[in-house]
Amino acid sequence: MYLADYHVHSRVSPDGKASMLEMAAAAEAEGLDEICFTDHLETVIWRENKRPADFDWSVPEREYRETLENWHGRTRLRLGLEVGGVPFNVPHAEALMAQAPQLDFVIGSIHMLTEAITDLDLAHFHPADEAEALRSMADYLELVRQTAVWGRFSVLGHLTLSLRYLNELQGFQLSFDPFGAEIEEILRTVIQKGRGIELNTNRGNMPLPGAKWLRLYRSLGGEIITLGSDAHRPGDVGRSIREGQRLLRECGFKRFCTFEKMEPIWHEL
């Protein structure tokens, strides 16, 4: 069994807790064969009228280079990125991406909602009731759809992310079942563009997406898929990756991907 965690944040991310070297050591201790650092690049500054955000590429480049120079473990290290908020300012997002060093892998994600719903991101949005929560889920999916159409990523991140905040943290009992048509459109778009999705193991909580949507993706012909813990601290690196592989097998997948220089490398499940 080849074990890879392809959604790992270091202190390069605003919400990261540890150096890349510390995260690599955690991966080694967890018995992982490979990890990819996917620190955040949010392309707009939220609550400032979507003002374009700056990004200093020298920070992840330097951190990654120093990590490689000091790494003597067997776990393979890759450099990736989680780019968020692209639909709010596509030209600026593309300008930032054009300045990137050679990356192995890119996650395309949405963490924010439009001003029609709130001026907060998903982590800080507290809907007054279920109706408002459902409106926010529709808003989120439309932004995910626009990200999928853009398509300049390796995989689409945590497709059902809203549930992390609405259900796990705020006590709602919602699902994306009312949005089956929207999710199918997103998955078809991803497949048509030759891209994939991730199974985000959500640090050991509910997988994002769950079995229903994984099976739908597979039934539509989707094959490119990665597994990632979304770890922001060493203790979560590799969390539930083994269980995620088992879930993929149950959903009809025979293999999963890692990446090198933006090209998929296949591993049997």
Protein backbone atom coordinates (compact mmCIF):
# COMPACT_ATOMS: atom_id res chain seq x y z
CA MET A 1 0.00 0.00 0.00
CA TYR A 2 1.48 3.32 -1.12
CA LEU A 3 0.56 6.07 1.36
CA ALA A 4 0.48 9.69 0.22
CA ASP A 5 -0.99 12.79 1.86
CA TYR A 6 -1.62 15.41 -0.81
CA HIS A 7 -3.17 18.19 1.26
CA VAL A 8 -0.71 19.45 3.88
CA HIS A 9 -0.28 23.01 5.16
CA SER A 10 2.84 24.40 6.78
CA ARG A 11 3.56 27.74 8.44
CA VAL A 12 3.67 29.24 4.94
CA SER A 13 -0.14 29.22 5.18
CA PRO A 14 -1.69 31.90 7.42
CA ASP A 15 -3.36 29.15 9.46
CA GLY A 16 -0.43 26.72 9.41
CA LYS A 17 1.19 25.70 12.69
CA ALA A 18 4.58 24.18 11.85
CA SER A 19 7.50 24.27 9.44
CA MET A 20 7.62 22.07 6.37
CA LEU A 21 10.43 20.13 8.04
CA GLU A 22 8.24 19.42 11.08
CA MET A 23 5.36 18.33 8.85
CA ALA A 24 7.72 16.06 6.90
CA ALA A 25 8.95 14.47 10.13
CA ALA A 26 5.33 13.84 11.12
CA ALA A 27 4.71 12.17 7.76
CA GLU A 28 7.73 9.93 8.26
CA ALA A 29 6.53 8.96 11.73
CA GLU A 30 3.10 8.12 10.28
CA GLY A 31 4.69 5.79 7.75
CA LEU A 32 3.81 7.85 4.67
CA ASP A 33 5.66 7.31 1.42
CA GLU A 34 4.99 10.81 0.11
CA ILE A 35 3.48 14.18 1.03
CA CYS A 36 2.79 17.33 -0.92
CA PHE A 37 2.87 20.76 0.70
CA THR A 38 -0.22 22.63 -0.50
CA ASP A 39 -0.08 25.97 1.26
CA HIS A 40 -2.79 28.55 0.69
CA LEU A 41 -2.82 31.16 -2.01
CA GLU A 42 -6.06 33.14 -1.70
CA THR A 43 -6.24 35.42 -4.71
CA VAL A 44 -8.38 38.11 -3.11
CA ILE A 45 -8.50 39.78 0.30
CA TRP A 46 -11.91 39.13 1.76
CA ARG A 47 -13.96 41.92 3.36
CA GLU A 48 -12.04 44.49 1.34
CA ASN A 49 -14.26 44.54 -1.74
CA LYS A 50 -12.36 41.53 -3.08
CA ARG A 51 -9.17 43.54 -3.44
CA PRO A 52 -6.49 41.46 -5.18
CA ALA A 53 -4.18 39.76 -2.71
CA ASP A 54 -0.42 39.79 -3.06
CA PHE A 55 1.61 36.59 -2.78
CA ASP A 56 5.34 36.33 -2.16
CA TRP A 57 6.50 33.21 -3.97
CA SER A 58 9.93 33.46 -2.37
CA VAL A 59 8.45 32.34 0.97
CA PRO A 60 7.31 28.82 -0.03
CA GLU A 61 10.31 28.46 -2.37
CA ARG A 62 12.76 29.22 0.43
CA GLU A 63 10.94 27.06 2.98
CA TYR A 64 10.79 24.11 0.59
CA ARG A 65 14.43 24.45 -0.48
CA GLU A 66 15.64 24.59 3.11
CA THR A 67 13.46 21.62 3.98
CA LEU A 68 14.94 19.52 1.17
CA GLU A 69 18.44 20.52 2.23
CA ASN A 70 17.78 19.31 5.78
CA TRP A 71 15.61 16.29 5.02
CA HIS A 72 17.14 12.85 5.42
CA GLY A 73 14.01 10.75 5.75
CA ARG A 74 12.58 8.28 3.26
CA THR A 75 9.26 10.13 2.74
CA ARG A 76 9.22 11.84 -0.66
CA LEU A 77 8.43 15.57 -0.51
CA ARG A 78 6.57 17.49 -3.21
CA LEU A 79 5.76 21.19 -3.60
CA GLY A 80 2.19 22.10 -4.44
CA LEU A 81 -0.35 24.81 -3.77
CA GLU A 82 -3.97 25.29 -2.79
CA VAL A 83 -5.29 28.21 -4.81
CA GLY A 84 -8.58 29.69 -3.61
CA GLY A 85 -11.03 32.35 -4.65
CA VAL A 86 -10.21 32.28 -8.35
CA PRO A 87 -13.74 33.21 -9.61
CA PHE A 88 -13.58 36.53 -7.76
CA ASN A 89 -10.69 37.75 -9.91
CA VAL A 90 -9.59 35.34 -12.63
CA PRO A 91 -7.04 37.66 -14.34
CA HIS A 92 -5.28 38.35 -11.06
CA ALA A 93 -5.30 34.65 -10.13
CA GLU A 94 -3.71 33.79 -13.46
CA ALA A 95 -1.13 36.54 -13.06
CA LEU A 96 -0.14 35.16 -9.66
CA MET A 97 0.02 31.60 -10.97
CA ALA A 98 2.22 32.74 -13.88
CA GLN A 99 4.87 33.77 -11.33
CA ALA A 100 4.91 30.37 -9.62
CA PRO A 101 8.02 28.21 -9.48
CA GLN A 102 7.86 24.65 -10.84
CA LEU A 103 5.03 23.05 -8.89
CA ASP A 104 4.17 19.39 -8.68
CA PHE A 105 0.48 19.79 -7.92
CA VAL A 106 -2.31 22.38 -7.53
CA ILE A 107 -5.59 22.10 -5.63
CA GLY A 108 -8.37 24.44 -6.78
CA SER A 109 -10.59 25.38 -3.84
CA ILE A 110 -13.32 27.69 -2.62
CA HIS A 111 -13.27 28.92 0.98
CA MET A 112 -15.31 32.10 0.59
CA LEU A 113 -18.87 33.03 -0.28
CA THR A 114 -20.17 35.88 -2.40
CA GLU A 115 -21.39 39.16 -0.97
CA ALA A 116 -24.95 38.03 -1.73
CA ILE A 117 -24.60 35.70 1.27
CA THR A 118 -21.95 37.16 3.59
CA ASP A 119 -18.68 39.05 3.74
CA LEU A 120 -17.17 36.14 5.68
CA ASP A 121 -15.49 32.95 4.61
CA LEU A 122 -17.05 29.56 5.32
CA ALA A 123 -15.17 29.06 8.57
CA HIS A 124 -16.68 32.21 10.11
CA PHE A 125 -20.15 32.19 8.56
CA HIS A 126 -22.97 31.34 10.98
CA PRO A 127 -26.32 31.13 9.18
CA ALA A 128 -29.39 32.05 11.17
CA ASP A 129 -31.35 28.99 10.07
CA GLU A 130 -31.40 26.02 7.72
CA ALA A 131 -32.80 28.05 4.83
CA GLU A 132 -29.87 30.46 4.98
CA ALA A 133 -27.47 27.56 5.29
CA LEU A 134 -28.89 25.97 2.14
CA ARG A 135 -28.57 29.25 0.26
CA SER A 136 -24.92 29.39 1.28
CA MET A 137 -24.39 25.84 0.00
CA ALA A 138 -25.85 26.81 -3.38
CA ASP A 139 -23.62 29.90 -3.44
CA TYR A 140 -20.59 27.79 -2.62
CA LEU A 141 -21.33 25.26 -5.36
CA GLU A 142 -21.70 27.97 -7.98
CA LEU A 143 -18.23 29.24 -7.11
CA VAL A 144 -16.91 25.66 -7.24
CA ARG A 145 -18.51 25.28 -10.68
CA GLN A 146 -16.77 28.43 -11.89
CA THR A 147 -13.47 27.11 -10.52
CA ALA A 148 -14.03 23.83 -12.39
CA VAL A 149 -14.69 25.73 -15.62
CA TRP A 150 -11.42 27.66 -15.09
CA GLY A 151 -9.69 24.33 -14.79
CA ARG A 152 -6.08 25.35 -14.19
CA PHE A 153 -5.50 22.96 -11.30
CA SER A 154 -4.73 19.28 -10.76
CA VAL A 155 -7.71 18.40 -8.57
CA LEU A 156 -10.74 20.18 -7.18
CA GLY A 157 -10.49 20.43 -3.41
CA HIS A 158 -12.91 19.23 -0.70
CA LEU A 159 -16.05 19.30 -2.87
CA THR A 160 -18.48 19.31 0.07
CA LEU A 161 -16.49 21.64 2.34
CA SER A 162 -19.57 23.46 3.67
CA LEU A 163 -20.44 20.40 5.77
CA ARG A 164 -17.25 20.78 7.81
CA TYR A 165 -18.54 24.04 9.20
CA LEU A 166 -22.31 23.68 9.07
CA ASN A 167 -22.60 20.14 10.43
CA GLU A 168 -19.44 19.42 12.38
CA LEU A 169 -19.04 22.80 14.06
CA GLN A 170 -22.51 24.37 14.06
CA GLY A 171 -24.79 21.40 14.62
CA PHE A 172 -26.77 21.43 11.37
CA GLN A 173 -27.73 18.09 9.83
CA LEU A 174 -27.51 18.94 6.17
CA SER A 175 -26.35 17.15 3.06
CA PHE A 176 -25.71 18.11 -0.53
CA ASP A 177 -28.49 15.78 -1.70
CA PRO A 178 -30.69 18.71 -2.83
CA PHE A 179 -27.85 19.78 -5.14
CA GLY A 180 -27.25 16.56 -7.02
CA ALA A 181 -27.63 18.17 -10.45
CA GLU A 182 -25.17 20.93 -9.57
CA ILE A 183 -22.60 18.46 -8.27
CA GLU A 184 -22.98 16.25 -11.33
CA GLU A 185 -22.36 19.27 -13.58
CA ILE A 186 -19.21 20.10 -11.62
CA LEU A 187 -17.93 16.53 -11.84
CA ARG A 188 -18.66 16.31 -15.56
CA THR A 189 -16.79 19.59 -16.11
CA VAL A 190 -13.77 18.35 -14.16
CA ILE A 191 -13.68 15.12 -16.16
CA GLN A 192 -14.07 16.88 -19.50
CA LYS A 193 -11.12 19.11 -18.68
CA GLY A 194 -8.94 16.15 -17.78
CA ARG A 195 -8.75 17.17 -14.13
CA GLY A 196 -9.62 15.32 -10.93
CA ILE A 197 -10.95 15.68 -7.42
CA GLU A 198 -9.53 14.95 -4.01
CA LEU A 199 -10.84 12.76 -1.24
CA ASN A 200 -10.20 15.10 1.67
CA THR A 201 -10.08 12.91 4.77
CA ASN A 202 -10.85 16.00 6.82
CA ARG A 203 -8.40 15.21 9.61
CA GLY A 204 -10.33 12.08 10.53
CA ASN A 205 -13.81 13.59 10.44
CA MET A 206 -16.44 13.12 7.71
CA PRO A 207 -14.75 12.65 4.33
CA LEU A 208 -15.20 15.47 1.84
CA PRO A 209 -16.84 14.37 -0.41
CA GLY A 210 -18.55 11.27 0.94
CA ALA A 211 -19.26 7.91 -0.68
CA LYS A 212 -22.33 9.04 -2.65
CA TRP A 213 -20.42 11.67 -4.61
CA LEU A 214 -17.31 9.54 -4.98
CA ARG A 215 -19.44 6.82 -6.57
CA LEU A 216 -21.07 9.38 -8.84
CA TYR A 217 -17.68 10.70 -9.95
CA ARG A 218 -16.51 7.16 -10.68
CA SER A 219 -19.72 6.28 -12.55
CA LEU A 220 -19.26 9.33 -14.79
CA GLY A 221 -15.81 8.09 -15.75
CA GLY A 222 -13.83 10.05 -13.19
CA GLU A 223 -10.52 8.47 -12.31
CA ILE A 224 -8.01 11.15 -11.30
CA ILE A 225 -8.21 11.35 -7.52
CA THR A 226 -5.84 12.18 -4.67
CA LEU A 227 -6.09 11.74 -0.91
CA GLY A 228 -5.28 14.50 1.55
CA SER A 229 -5.72 15.05 5.27
CA ASP A 230 -5.91 18.87 5.14
CA ALA A 231 -3.44 18.87 8.02
CA HIS A 232 -2.47 22.23 9.47
CA ARG A 233 -0.40 20.78 12.32
CA PRO A 234 1.91 17.77 12.63
CA GLY A 235 -0.57 15.67 14.60
CA ASP A 236 -2.97 15.54 11.65
CA VAL A 237 -0.53 14.60 8.90
CA GLY A 238 -1.68 11.36 7.30
CA ARG A 239 -4.87 11.26 9.34
CA SER A 240 -7.31 8.68 7.90
CA ILE A 241 -5.37 8.22 4.65
CA ARG A 242 -5.54 4.44 5.05
CA GLU A 243 -9.27 4.61 5.71
CA GLY A 244 -9.63 6.90 2.70
CA GLN A 245 -7.99 4.33 0.47
CA ARG A 246 -10.43 1.72 1.73
CA LEU A 247 -13.35 4.05 0.99
CA LEU A 248 -12.10 4.60 -2.55
CA ARG A 249 -11.95 0.86 -3.13
CA GLU A 250 -15.50 0.51 -1.83
CA CYS A 251 -16.60 3.21 -4.28
CA GLY A 252 -15.16 1.42 -7.29
CA PHE A 253 -11.72 2.99 -7.65
CA LYS A 254 -8.77 0.79 -8.53
CA ARG A 255 -6.03 3.40 -8.27
CA PHE A 256 -5.24 6.93 -7.11
CA CYS A 257 -2.75 9.66 -8.05
CA THR A 258 0.25 11.48 -6.81
CA PHE A 259 1.86 14.13 -9.02
CA GLU A 260 5.27 15.19 -10.24
CA LYS A 261 5.67 18.42 -12.21
CA MET A 262 1.89 18.52 -12.72
CA GLU A 263 1.76 15.04 -14.24
CA PRO A 264 -0.17 12.24 -12.51
CA ILE A 265 1.60 9.16 -11.21
CA TRP A 266 -0.72 6.19 -10.62
CA HIS A 267 -0.75 3.89 -7.61
CA GLU A 268 -2.86 0.79 -7.15
CA LEU A 269 -5.28 0.76 -4.25
